[in-house]
Amino acid sequence: MIRWLLVTVLALVLMSGLTDWLRRFGFGRLPGDFVFRAFGRLWQVPLASTLVLSMLAALIARLI
């Protein structure tokens, strides 16, 4: 259980750190990625981008 929590936190940190770099390739602007402003802050919920990146990671893991 702790291992999955650690993996999830690590994935979220990587995704937030690589957001600007990934936007150049279209991630974060896919249908299913939500961006809204609430409480004076810009919130991003990249559901579709996360799904695409997880499928890509699963494909790479399967090939290795």
PDB file of N, CA and C in Angstrom:
ATOM      1  N   MET A   1       0.821  -1.189   0.000  1.00  0.00           N
ATOM      2  CA  MET A   1       0.000   0.000   0.000  1.00  0.00           C
ATOM      3  C   MET A   1       0.867   1.256   0.000  1.00  0.00           C
ATOM      4  N   ILE A   2       1.900   1.264   0.803  1.00  0.00           N
ATOM      5  CA  ILE A   2       2.793   2.424   0.868  1.00  0.00           C
ATOM      6  C   ILE A   2       3.514   2.600  -0.470  1.00  0.00           C
ATOM      7  N   ARG A   3       3.864   1.498  -1.113  1.00  0.00           N
ATOM      8  CA  ARG A   3       4.567   1.568  -2.389  1.00  0.00           C
ATOM      9  C   ARG A   3       3.708   2.273  -3.446  1.00  0.00           C
ATOM     10  N   TRP A   4       2.420   1.938  -3.510  1.00  0.00           N
ATOM     11  CA  TRP A   4       1.535   2.576  -4.485  1.00  0.00           C
ATOM     12  C   TRP A   4       1.337   4.047  -4.167  1.00  0.00           C
ATOM     13  N   LEU A   5       1.266   4.384  -2.900  1.00  0.00           N
ATOM     14  CA  LEU A   5       1.141   5.780  -2.512  1.00  0.00           C
ATOM     15  C   LEU A   5       2.382   6.560  -2.925  1.00  0.00           C
ATOM     16  N   LEU A   6       3.536   5.977  -2.737  1.00  0.00           N
ATOM     17  CA  LEU A   6       4.789   6.608  -3.125  1.00  0.00           C
ATOM     18  C   LEU A   6       4.865   6.791  -4.645  1.00  0.00           C
ATOM     19  N   VAL A   7       4.452   5.785  -5.389  1.00  0.00           N
ATOM     20  CA  VAL A   7       4.449   5.871  -6.853  1.00  0.00           C
ATOM     21  C   VAL A   7       3.492   6.966  -7.321  1.00  0.00           C
ATOM     22  N   THR A   8       2.331   7.058  -6.706  1.00  0.00           N
ATOM     23  CA  THR A   8       1.356   8.082  -7.074  1.00  0.00           C
ATOM     24  C   THR A   8       1.886   9.484  -6.797  1.00  0.00           C
ATOM     25  N   VAL A   9       2.475   9.674  -5.640  1.00  0.00           N
ATOM     26  CA  VAL A   9       3.033  10.984  -5.295  1.00  0.00           C
ATOM     27  C   VAL A   9       4.179  11.332  -6.236  1.00  0.00           C
ATOM     28  N   LEU A  10       5.028  10.372  -6.538  1.00  0.00           N
ATOM     29  CA  LEU A  10       6.137  10.611  -7.452  1.00  0.00           C
ATOM     30  C   LEU A  10       5.630  10.971  -8.849  1.00  0.00           C
ATOM     31  N   ALA A  11       4.595  10.296  -9.315  1.00  0.00           N
ATOM     32  CA  ALA A  11       4.021  10.594 -10.624  1.00  0.00           C
ATOM     33  C   ALA A  11       3.416  12.000 -10.651  1.00  0.00           C
ATOM     34  N   LEU A  12       2.758  12.392  -9.586  1.00  0.00           N
ATOM     35  CA  LEU A  12       2.189  13.736  -9.528  1.00  0.00           C
ATOM     36  C   LEU A  12       3.269  14.808  -9.507  1.00  0.00           C
ATOM     37  N   VAL A  13       4.348  14.567  -8.788  1.00  0.00           N
ATOM     38  CA  VAL A  13       5.451  15.526  -8.748  1.00  0.00           C
ATOM     39  C   VAL A  13       6.104  15.636 -10.116  1.00  0.00           C
ATOM     40  N   LEU A  14       6.335  14.510 -10.773  1.00  0.00           N
ATOM     41  CA  LEU A  14       6.922  14.530 -12.110  1.00  0.00           C
ATOM     42  C   LEU A  14       6.006  15.239 -13.101  1.00  0.00           C
ATOM     43  N   MET A  15       4.714  14.964 -13.018  1.00  0.00           N
ATOM     44  CA  MET A  15       3.770  15.585 -13.943  1.00  0.00           C
ATOM     45  C   MET A  15       3.712  17.092 -13.747  1.00  0.00           C
ATOM     46  N   SER A  16       3.729  17.538 -12.502  1.00  0.00           N
ATOM     47  CA  SER A  16       3.687  18.983 -12.270  1.00  0.00           C
ATOM     48  C   SER A  16       4.999  19.644 -12.655  1.00  0.00           C
ATOM     49  N   GLY A  17       6.107  18.944 -12.496  1.00  0.00           N
ATOM     50  CA  GLY A  17       7.399  19.507 -12.864  1.00  0.00           C
ATOM     51  C   GLY A  17       7.625  19.543 -14.362  1.00  0.00           C
ATOM     52  N   LEU A  18       7.038  18.607 -15.079  1.00  0.00           N
ATOM     53  CA  LEU A  18       7.236  18.524 -16.525  1.00  0.00           C
ATOM     54  C   LEU A  18       6.089  19.127 -17.329  1.00  0.00           C
ATOM     55  N   THR A  19       5.185  19.824 -16.673  1.00  0.00           N
ATOM     56  CA  THR A  19       4.005  20.355 -17.344  1.00  0.00           C
ATOM     57  C   THR A  19       4.369  21.297 -18.483  1.00  0.00           C
ATOM     58  N   ASP A  20       5.267  22.234 -18.242  1.00  0.00           N
ATOM     59  CA  ASP A  20       5.624  23.189 -19.295  1.00  0.00           C
ATOM     60  C   ASP A  20       6.274  22.484 -20.487  1.00  0.00           C
ATOM     61  N   TRP A  21       7.129  21.527 -20.214  1.00  0.00           N
ATOM     62  CA  TRP A  21       7.798  20.795 -21.282  1.00  0.00           C
ATOM     63  C   TRP A  21       6.805  19.940 -22.078  1.00  0.00           C
ATOM     64  N   LEU A  22       5.859  19.307 -21.377  1.00  0.00           N
ATOM     65  CA  LEU A  22       4.880  18.450 -22.042  1.00  0.00           C
ATOM     66  C   LEU A  22       3.855  19.250 -22.836  1.00  0.00           C
ATOM     67  N   ARG A  23       3.601  20.497 -22.458  1.00  0.00           N
ATOM     68  CA  ARG A  23       2.640  21.325 -23.192  1.00  0.00           C
ATOM     69  C   ARG A  23       3.115  21.614 -24.608  1.00  0.00           C
ATOM     70  N   ARG A  24       4.427  21.622 -24.822  1.00  0.00           N
ATOM     71  CA  ARG A  24       4.945  21.834 -26.174  1.00  0.00           C
ATOM     72  C   ARG A  24       4.523  20.719 -27.118  1.00  0.00           C
ATOM     73  N   PHE A  25       4.282  19.524 -26.564  1.00  0.00           N
ATOM     74  CA  PHE A  25       3.874  18.373 -27.369  1.00  0.00           C
ATOM     75  C   PHE A  25       2.367  18.162 -27.376  1.00  0.00           C
ATOM     76  N   GLY A  26       1.600  19.068 -26.769  1.00  0.00           N
ATOM     77  CA  GLY A  26       0.145  18.981 -26.793  1.00  0.00           C
ATOM     78  C   GLY A  26      -0.476  18.375 -25.554  1.00  0.00           C
ATOM     79  N   PHE A  27       0.321  17.884 -24.629  1.00  0.00           N
ATOM     80  CA  PHE A  27      -0.250  17.325 -23.403  1.00  0.00           C
ATOM     81  C   PHE A  27      -0.759  18.468 -22.528  1.00  0.00           C
ATOM     82  N   GLY A  28      -1.892  18.270 -21.902  1.00  0.00           N
ATOM     83  CA  GLY A  28      -2.510  19.309 -21.106  1.00  0.00           C
ATOM     84  C   GLY A  28      -3.549  20.093 -21.886  1.00  0.00           C
ATOM     85  N   ARG A  29      -3.623  19.853 -23.173  1.00  0.00           N
ATOM     86  CA  ARG A  29      -4.607  20.514 -24.018  1.00  0.00           C
ATOM     87  C   ARG A  29      -5.467  19.496 -24.764  1.00  0.00           C
ATOM     88  N   LEU A  30      -5.450  18.274 -24.327  1.00  0.00           N
ATOM     89  CA  LEU A  30      -6.255  17.232 -24.957  1.00  0.00           C
ATOM     90  C   LEU A  30      -7.703  17.337 -24.491  1.00  0.00           C
ATOM     91  N   PRO A  31      -8.647  16.815 -25.278  1.00  0.00           N
ATOM     92  CA  PRO A  31     -10.034  16.763 -24.786  1.00  0.00           C
ATOM     93  C   PRO A  31     -10.081  15.881 -23.538  1.00  0.00           C
ATOM     94  N   GLY A  32     -10.636  16.372 -22.490  1.00  0.00           N
ATOM     95  CA  GLY A  32     -10.661  15.647 -21.222  1.00  0.00           C
ATOM     96  C   GLY A  32      -9.714  16.252 -20.202  1.00  0.00           C
ATOM     97  N   ASP A  33      -8.922  17.247 -20.600  1.00  0.00           N
ATOM     98  CA  ASP A  33      -8.070  17.988 -19.674  1.00  0.00           C
ATOM     99  C   ASP A  33      -8.805  19.261 -19.282  1.00  0.00           C
ATOM    100  N   PHE A  34      -9.006  19.443 -18.010  1.00  0.00           N
ATOM    101  CA  PHE A  34      -9.788  20.571 -17.532  1.00  0.00           C
ATOM    102  C   PHE A  34      -8.885  21.618 -16.908  1.00  0.00           C
ATOM    103  N   VAL A  35      -9.141  22.875 -17.253  1.00  0.00           N
ATOM    104  CA  VAL A  35      -8.450  24.011 -16.660  1.00  0.00           C
ATOM    105  C   VAL A  35      -9.520  24.992 -16.222  1.00  0.00           C
ATOM    106  N   PHE A  36      -9.494  25.373 -14.946  1.00  0.00           N
ATOM    107  CA  PHE A  36     -10.476  26.336 -14.470  1.00  0.00           C
ATOM    108  C   PHE A  36      -9.851  27.205 -13.384  1.00  0.00           C
ATOM    109  N   ARG A  37     -10.450  28.365 -13.181  1.00  0.00           N
ATOM    110  CA  ARG A  37      -9.973  29.297 -12.176  1.00  0.00           C
ATOM    111  C   ARG A  37     -10.975  29.307 -11.019  1.00  0.00           C
ATOM    112  N   ALA A  38     -10.463  29.054  -9.826  1.00  0.00           N
ATOM    113  CA  ALA A  38     -11.292  29.071  -8.633  1.00  0.00           C
ATOM    114  C   ALA A  38     -10.461  29.596  -7.468  1.00  0.00           C
ATOM    115  N   PHE A  39     -11.056  30.401  -6.655  1.00  0.00           N
ATOM    116  CA  PHE A  39     -10.417  30.968  -5.473  1.00  0.00           C
ATOM    117  C   PHE A  39      -9.157  31.754  -5.834  1.00  0.00           C
ATOM    118  N   GLY A  40      -9.166  32.394  -7.004  1.00  0.00           N
ATOM    119  CA  GLY A  40      -8.047  33.214  -7.432  1.00  0.00           C
ATOM    120  C   GLY A  40      -6.836  32.440  -7.906  1.00  0.00           C
ATOM    121  N   ARG A  41      -7.011  31.170  -8.205  1.00  0.00           N
ATOM    122  CA  ARG A  41      -5.896  30.321  -8.633  1.00  0.00           C
ATOM    123  C   ARG A  41      -6.312  29.517  -9.855  1.00  0.00           C
ATOM    124  N   LEU A  42      -5.353  29.230 -10.716  1.00  0.00           N
ATOM    125  CA  LEU A  42      -5.609  28.418 -11.896  1.00  0.00           C
ATOM    126  C   LEU A  42      -5.404  26.953 -11.540  1.00  0.00           C
ATOM    127  N   TRP A  43      -6.432  26.149 -11.737  1.00  0.00           N
ATOM    128  CA  TRP A  43      -6.388  24.723 -11.417  1.00  0.00           C
ATOM    129  C   TRP A  43      -6.381  23.934 -12.714  1.00  0.00           C
ATOM    130  N   GLN A  44      -5.536  22.910 -12.780  1.00  0.00           N
ATOM    131  CA  GLN A  44      -5.460  22.043 -13.948  1.00  0.00           C
ATOM    132  C   GLN A  44      -5.727  20.604 -13.519  1.00  0.00           C
ATOM    133  N   VAL A  45      -6.605  19.946 -14.256  1.00  0.00           N
ATOM    134  CA  VAL A  45      -6.917  18.537 -14.014  1.00  0.00           C
ATOM    135  C   VAL A  45      -6.696  17.801 -15.338  1.00  0.00           C
ATOM    136  N   PRO A  46      -5.474  17.289 -15.565  1.00  0.00           N
ATOM    137  CA  PRO A  46      -5.153  16.663 -16.862  1.00  0.00           C
ATOM    138  C   PRO A  46      -5.533  15.181 -16.906  1.00  0.00           C
ATOM    139  N   LEU A  47      -6.816  14.885 -16.994  1.00  0.00           N
ATOM    140  CA  LEU A  47      -7.266  13.488 -16.985  1.00  0.00           C
ATOM    141  C   LEU A  47      -6.838  12.745 -18.246  1.00  0.00           C
ATOM    142  N   ALA A  48      -7.079  13.316 -19.404  1.00  0.00           N
ATOM    143  CA  ALA A  48      -6.751  12.639 -20.664  1.00  0.00           C
ATOM    144  C   ALA A  48      -5.241  12.514 -20.838  1.00  0.00           C
ATOM    145  N   SER A  49      -4.501  13.549 -20.491  1.00  0.00           N
ATOM    146  CA  SER A  49      -3.041  13.493 -20.618  1.00  0.00           C
ATOM    147  C   SER A  49      -2.447  12.435 -19.683  1.00  0.00           C
ATOM    148  N   THR A  50      -2.994  12.329 -18.492  1.00  0.00           N
ATOM    149  CA  THR A  50      -2.523  11.316 -17.559  1.00  0.00           C
ATOM    150  C   THR A  50      -2.792   9.920 -18.087  1.00  0.00           C
ATOM    151  N   LEU A  51      -3.941   9.726 -18.693  1.00  0.00           N
ATOM    152  CA  LEU A  51      -4.278   8.425 -19.277  1.00  0.00           C
ATOM    153  C   LEU A  51      -3.329   8.070 -20.415  1.00  0.00           C
ATOM    154  N   VAL A  52      -3.039   9.029 -21.286  1.00  0.00           N
ATOM    155  CA  VAL A  52      -2.129   8.782 -22.409  1.00  0.00           C
ATOM    156  C   VAL A  52      -0.723   8.478 -21.898  1.00  0.00           C
ATOM    157  N   LEU A  53      -0.253   9.250 -20.930  1.00  0.00           N
ATOM    158  CA  LEU A  53       1.091   9.012 -20.389  1.00  0.00           C
ATOM    159  C   LEU A  53       1.192   7.684 -19.652  1.00  0.00           C
ATOM    160  N   SER A  54       0.133   7.273 -18.968  1.00  0.00           N
ATOM    161  CA  SER A  54       0.177   5.981 -18.275  1.00  0.00           C
ATOM    162  C   SER A  54       0.155   4.822 -19.269  1.00  0.00           C
ATOM    163  N   MET A  55      -0.569   4.967 -20.367  1.00  0.00           N
ATOM    164  CA  MET A  55      -0.542   3.921 -21.395  1.00  0.00           C
ATOM    165  C   MET A  55       0.828   3.849 -22.060  1.00  0.00           C
ATOM    166  N   LEU A  56       1.449   4.996 -22.278  1.00  0.00           N
ATOM    167  CA  LEU A  56       2.790   5.032 -22.835  1.00  0.00           C
ATOM    168  C   LEU A  56       3.799   4.381 -21.883  1.00  0.00           C
ATOM    169  N   ALA A  57       3.674   4.671 -20.600  1.00  0.00           N
ATOM    170  CA  ALA A  57       4.572   4.066 -19.604  1.00  0.00           C
ATOM    171  C   ALA A  57       4.354   2.559 -19.526  1.00  0.00           C
ATOM    172  N   ALA A  58       3.100   2.105 -19.624  1.00  0.00           N
ATOM    173  CA  ALA A  58       2.817   0.669 -19.600  1.00  0.00           C
ATOM    174  C   ALA A  58       3.384  -0.023 -20.828  1.00  0.00           C
ATOM    175  N   LEU A  59       3.314   0.627 -21.976  1.00  0.00           N
ATOM    176  CA  LEU A  59       3.880   0.066 -23.194  1.00  0.00           C
ATOM    177  C   LEU A  59       5.407  -0.054 -23.080  1.00  0.00           C
ATOM    178  N   ILE A  60       6.038   0.981 -22.555  1.00  0.00           N
ATOM    179  CA  ILE A  60       7.494   0.931 -22.388  1.00  0.00           C
ATOM    180  C   ILE A  60       7.880  -0.154 -21.383  1.00  0.00           C
ATOM    181  N   ALA A  61       7.119  -0.261 -20.295  1.00  0.00           N
ATOM    182  CA  ALA A  61       7.411  -1.287 -19.289  1.00  0.00           C
ATOM    183  C   ALA A  61       7.227  -2.694 -19.857  1.00  0.00           C
ATOM    184  N   ARG A  62       6.258  -2.865 -20.724  1.00  0.00           N
ATOM    185  CA  ARG A  62       6.010  -4.179 -21.322  1.00  0.00           C
ATOM    186  C   ARG A  62       7.139  -4.561 -22.282  1.00  0.00           C
ATOM    187  N   LEU A  63       7.680  -3.556 -22.995  1.00  0.00           N
ATOM    188  CA  LEU A  63       8.750  -3.827 -23.943  1.00  0.00           C
ATOM    189  C   LEU A  63      10.086  -4.103 -23.256  1.00  0.00           C
ATOM    190  N   ILE A  64      10.252  -3.564 -22.078  1.00  0.00           N
ATOM    191  CA  ILE A  64      11.517  -3.773 -21.349  1.00  0.00           C
ATOM    192  C   ILE A  64      11.471  -5.028 -20.603  1.00  0.00           C
TER     193      ILE A  64
END
